[in-house]
Amino acid sequence: MTAILKTLSSFLAIALVAGCASKIDAPTQYDLGLLPPAAATAAPSLPAVSLADVNAPAWLDNNMIYFRLAYANQQQPRPYAGSRWTMPPAQLFQQRLKSRLAQAGGTVLAMSDAALNIPLLRIDMDDFTQTFDTPSHSLATLQVRASLFNGRTLLAQKSFSRQAATPSADAAGAASAFVAANDGVIDDLMGWLATVAPKK
């Protein structure tokens, strides 16, 4: 009887520890938040575009929030253990871009719905990391390359990059700063689109 009670006590202790561990290990999730208010000034005239899925390198194709210690080894991206994006960075950027284009009066079609003579916008994401230049100071770094096609003809191509200082040296600070970095790149990209897309 004593042995049975000891065994039951052991199982209960393991179950309690496992339950506590599962609560502790649940990651904190972040996204880019709500859209900023539409600008009061007139937005540039945006063309209708077909938007391909944003491409990202394999190491960024997940929900991890990555940081680099530039003062130690800037070639090693490291993930936060207890924090995640709600979706991979390429999808976060794509969702934000579509919403901002629509907010500015543009028309965005998926590749599968693209009509003839609608230019195709392809975006490759090169970086989406928090970079620490010192242990207490970091920047959210976003780099993308945009290519605009008419059929198989390349109409224009440009790289866009923004950095934003993080309000704190942690994942929460990175998430906050990436809002500004994403919106800055999207502002630049929309201005570029207004000048290079074919006029109807």
Protein backbone atom coordinates (compact mmCIF):
# COMPACT_ATOMS: atom_id res chain seq x y z
CA MET A 1 0.00 0.00 0.00
CA THR A 2 2.85 2.34 0.90
CA ALA A 3 4.57 1.60 -2.40
CA ILE A 4 1.35 2.40 -4.32
CA LEU A 5 0.96 5.71 -2.45
CA LYS A 6 4.56 6.63 -3.19
CA THR A 7 4.05 5.84 -6.89
CA LEU A 8 0.87 7.94 -7.04
CA SER A 9 2.65 10.81 -5.28
CA SER A 10 5.48 10.62 -7.82
CA PHE A 11 3.02 10.75 -10.75
CA LEU A 12 1.23 13.74 -9.21
CA ALA A 13 4.50 15.58 -8.68
CA ILE A 14 5.55 14.96 -12.31
CA ALA A 15 2.16 16.13 -13.56
CA LEU A 16 2.36 19.33 -11.51
CA VAL A 17 5.89 20.07 -12.74
CA ALA A 18 4.87 19.40 -16.34
CA GLY A 19 1.85 21.70 -15.97
CA CYS A 20 3.98 24.52 -14.55
CA ALA A 21 6.60 24.04 -17.27
CA SER A 22 4.00 24.27 -20.04
CA LYS A 23 2.78 27.61 -18.65
CA ILE A 24 6.31 28.99 -18.35
CA ASP A 25 7.33 27.79 -21.82
CA ALA A 26 4.38 29.36 -23.67
CA PRO A 27 6.05 31.99 -25.91
CA THR A 28 4.96 35.61 -26.01
CA GLN A 29 3.70 36.48 -29.50
CA TYR A 30 4.04 39.76 -31.40
CA ASP A 31 2.78 41.22 -34.67
CA LEU A 32 2.93 44.71 -36.24
CA GLY A 33 -0.19 46.02 -34.55
CA LEU A 34 -2.92 48.19 -36.02
CA LEU A 35 -2.48 50.30 -39.13
CA PRO A 36 -1.41 53.90 -38.60
CA PRO A 37 -4.05 56.53 -39.41
CA ALA A 38 -4.30 57.41 -43.09
CA ALA A 39 -2.20 60.45 -43.96
CA ALA A 40 -4.10 63.72 -44.13
CA THR A 41 -2.09 64.82 -47.19
CA ALA A 42 -2.86 63.46 -50.65
CA ALA A 43 -1.23 60.07 -51.25
CA PRO A 44 0.66 59.41 -54.51
CA SER A 45 -1.48 57.90 -57.26
CA LEU A 46 -0.91 54.17 -56.94
CA PRO A 47 -1.32 51.68 -59.78
CA ALA A 48 -3.15 48.37 -59.50
CA VAL A 49 -0.57 45.66 -58.86
CA SER A 50 -0.48 41.92 -58.58
CA LEU A 51 1.48 40.99 -55.46
CA ALA A 52 3.49 37.77 -55.36
CA ASP A 53 4.20 36.09 -52.04
CA VAL A 54 7.14 37.78 -50.33
CA ASN A 55 10.25 35.59 -50.44
CA ALA A 56 12.63 35.23 -47.50
CA PRO A 57 15.81 33.20 -46.94
CA ALA A 58 15.32 29.79 -45.34
CA TRP A 59 16.61 30.91 -41.92
CA LEU A 60 13.92 33.63 -41.76
CA ASP A 61 11.10 31.36 -42.91
CA ASN A 62 9.73 30.72 -39.42
CA ASN A 63 8.17 32.59 -36.48
CA MET A 64 11.40 33.21 -34.58
CA ILE A 65 12.42 36.74 -33.55
CA TYR A 66 16.11 36.95 -34.44
CA PHE A 67 18.82 39.20 -33.05
CA ARG A 68 22.53 39.67 -33.76
CA LEU A 69 25.28 40.69 -31.35
CA ALA A 70 27.30 42.90 -33.72
CA TYR A 71 29.86 43.58 -30.99
CA ALA A 72 30.51 39.83 -30.57
CA ASN A 73 29.66 37.92 -33.77
CA GLN A 74 27.43 39.69 -36.29
CA GLN A 75 27.39 36.61 -38.55
CA GLN A 76 25.35 34.60 -36.09
CA PRO A 77 21.59 35.27 -35.98
CA ARG A 78 20.17 34.08 -32.65
CA PRO A 79 16.50 33.44 -31.82
CA TYR A 80 14.79 34.59 -28.64
CA ALA A 81 13.80 31.57 -26.57
CA GLY A 82 10.49 32.85 -25.19
CA SER A 83 9.20 35.19 -27.91
CA ARG A 84 7.76 34.63 -31.38
CA TRP A 85 6.16 36.50 -34.27
CA THR A 86 2.56 35.46 -34.94
CA MET A 87 3.67 34.49 -38.47
CA PRO A 88 6.96 34.51 -40.41
CA PRO A 89 8.37 38.01 -41.08
CA ALA A 90 7.74 37.77 -44.84
CA GLN A 91 4.04 37.18 -44.18
CA LEU A 92 3.90 40.01 -41.63
CA PHE A 93 5.42 42.39 -44.17
CA GLN A 94 3.17 41.18 -46.99
CA GLN A 95 0.01 41.58 -44.90
CA ARG A 96 1.09 45.07 -43.80
CA LEU A 97 1.94 46.09 -47.38
CA LYS A 98 -1.41 44.94 -48.75
CA SER A 99 -3.29 46.78 -46.01
CA ARG A 100 -1.29 49.98 -46.48
CA LEU A 101 -1.73 49.92 -50.27
CA ALA A 102 -5.48 49.47 -49.88
CA GLN A 103 -5.59 52.22 -47.24
CA ALA A 104 -3.85 54.58 -49.70
CA GLY A 105 -6.39 53.83 -52.44
CA GLY A 106 -4.39 51.27 -54.38
CA THR A 107 -5.67 47.99 -55.76
CA VAL A 108 -3.84 44.78 -54.83
CA LEU A 109 -4.51 41.46 -56.54
CA ALA A 110 -3.11 38.05 -55.66
CA MET A 111 -0.98 36.40 -58.34
CA SER A 112 -3.71 33.82 -58.91
CA ASP A 113 -6.27 36.60 -59.56
CA ALA A 114 -4.01 38.81 -61.68
CA ALA A 115 -5.55 40.32 -64.79
CA LEU A 116 -3.70 40.92 -68.04
CA ASN A 117 -1.63 44.11 -68.20
CA ILE A 118 -1.49 44.41 -64.40
CA PRO A 119 2.16 44.75 -63.30
CA LEU A 120 3.51 42.07 -60.96
CA LEU A 121 5.34 43.14 -57.80
CA ARG A 122 7.85 40.67 -56.37
CA ILE A 123 9.58 41.33 -53.06
CA ASP A 124 12.57 39.51 -51.59
CA MET A 125 13.30 40.03 -47.90
CA ASP A 126 17.02 40.08 -47.08
CA ASP A 127 16.99 40.96 -43.39
CA PHE A 128 14.53 41.25 -40.51
CA THR A 129 16.65 41.19 -37.38
CA GLN A 130 17.37 43.16 -34.23
CA THR A 131 21.04 44.17 -34.21
CA PHE A 132 22.83 44.99 -30.95
CA ASP A 133 25.83 47.31 -31.36
CA THR A 134 26.23 47.30 -27.56
CA PRO A 135 24.58 45.10 -24.90
CA SER A 136 22.09 47.88 -24.12
CA HIS A 137 21.45 49.44 -27.57
CA SER A 138 19.91 47.83 -30.64
CA LEU A 139 18.25 48.60 -33.96
CA ALA A 140 15.49 46.82 -35.84
CA THR A 141 16.83 46.28 -39.37
CA LEU A 142 14.60 45.58 -42.38
CA GLN A 143 15.95 45.15 -45.91
CA VAL A 144 13.92 44.18 -48.98
CA ARG A 145 14.36 44.18 -52.77
CA ALA A 146 11.35 45.05 -54.92
CA SER A 147 11.04 44.08 -58.59
CA LEU A 148 8.20 45.22 -60.85
CA PHE A 149 7.41 43.12 -63.92
CA ASN A 150 5.18 43.51 -66.96
CA GLY A 151 4.85 39.91 -68.05
CA ARG A 152 8.46 38.72 -68.21
CA THR A 153 9.85 42.20 -68.73
CA LEU A 154 11.52 43.80 -65.72
CA LEU A 155 10.23 47.37 -65.47
CA ALA A 156 12.14 48.49 -62.38
CA GLN A 157 13.99 47.17 -59.37
CA LYS A 158 15.11 48.81 -56.14
CA SER A 159 16.35 47.90 -52.66
CA PHE A 160 14.78 49.46 -49.57
CA SER A 161 16.23 49.53 -46.08
CA ARG A 162 15.17 51.04 -42.77
CA GLN A 163 16.49 50.89 -39.23
CA ALA A 164 14.62 51.93 -36.10
CA ALA A 165 16.00 52.20 -32.58
CA THR A 166 14.42 49.80 -30.11
CA PRO A 167 12.93 51.32 -26.94
CA SER A 168 14.26 48.37 -24.93
CA ALA A 169 16.99 45.77 -25.45
CA ASP A 170 14.66 42.78 -25.68
CA ALA A 171 12.07 41.12 -27.93
CA ALA A 172 9.33 43.57 -26.95
CA GLY A 173 11.58 46.45 -27.97
CA ALA A 174 12.33 44.73 -31.28
CA ALA A 175 8.64 44.22 -32.03
CA SER A 176 7.92 47.89 -31.33
CA ALA A 177 10.77 49.14 -33.52
CA PHE A 178 9.86 46.83 -36.40
CA VAL A 179 6.51 48.61 -36.72
CA ALA A 180 8.36 51.83 -37.60
CA ALA A 181 10.86 50.02 -39.85
CA ASN A 182 8.10 48.23 -41.79
CA ASP A 183 5.97 51.34 -42.22
CA GLY A 184 9.02 53.34 -43.32
CA VAL A 185 9.96 50.80 -45.99
CA ILE A 186 6.34 50.60 -47.17
CA ASP A 187 6.14 54.41 -47.43
CA ASP A 188 9.30 54.41 -49.56
CA LEU A 189 8.05 51.51 -51.67
CA MET A 190 4.69 53.16 -52.35
CA GLY A 191 6.41 56.36 -53.44
CA TRP A 192 8.61 54.33 -55.79
CA LEU A 193 5.63 52.42 -57.22
CA ALA A 194 3.85 55.66 -58.03
CA THR A 195 6.76 56.73 -60.23
CA VAL A 196 7.76 53.49 -62.00
CA ALA A 197 4.48 51.66 -62.66
CA PRO A 198 3.04 51.97 -66.18
CA LYS A 199 0.48 54.72 -66.51
CA LYS A 200 -2.86 53.79 -68.04
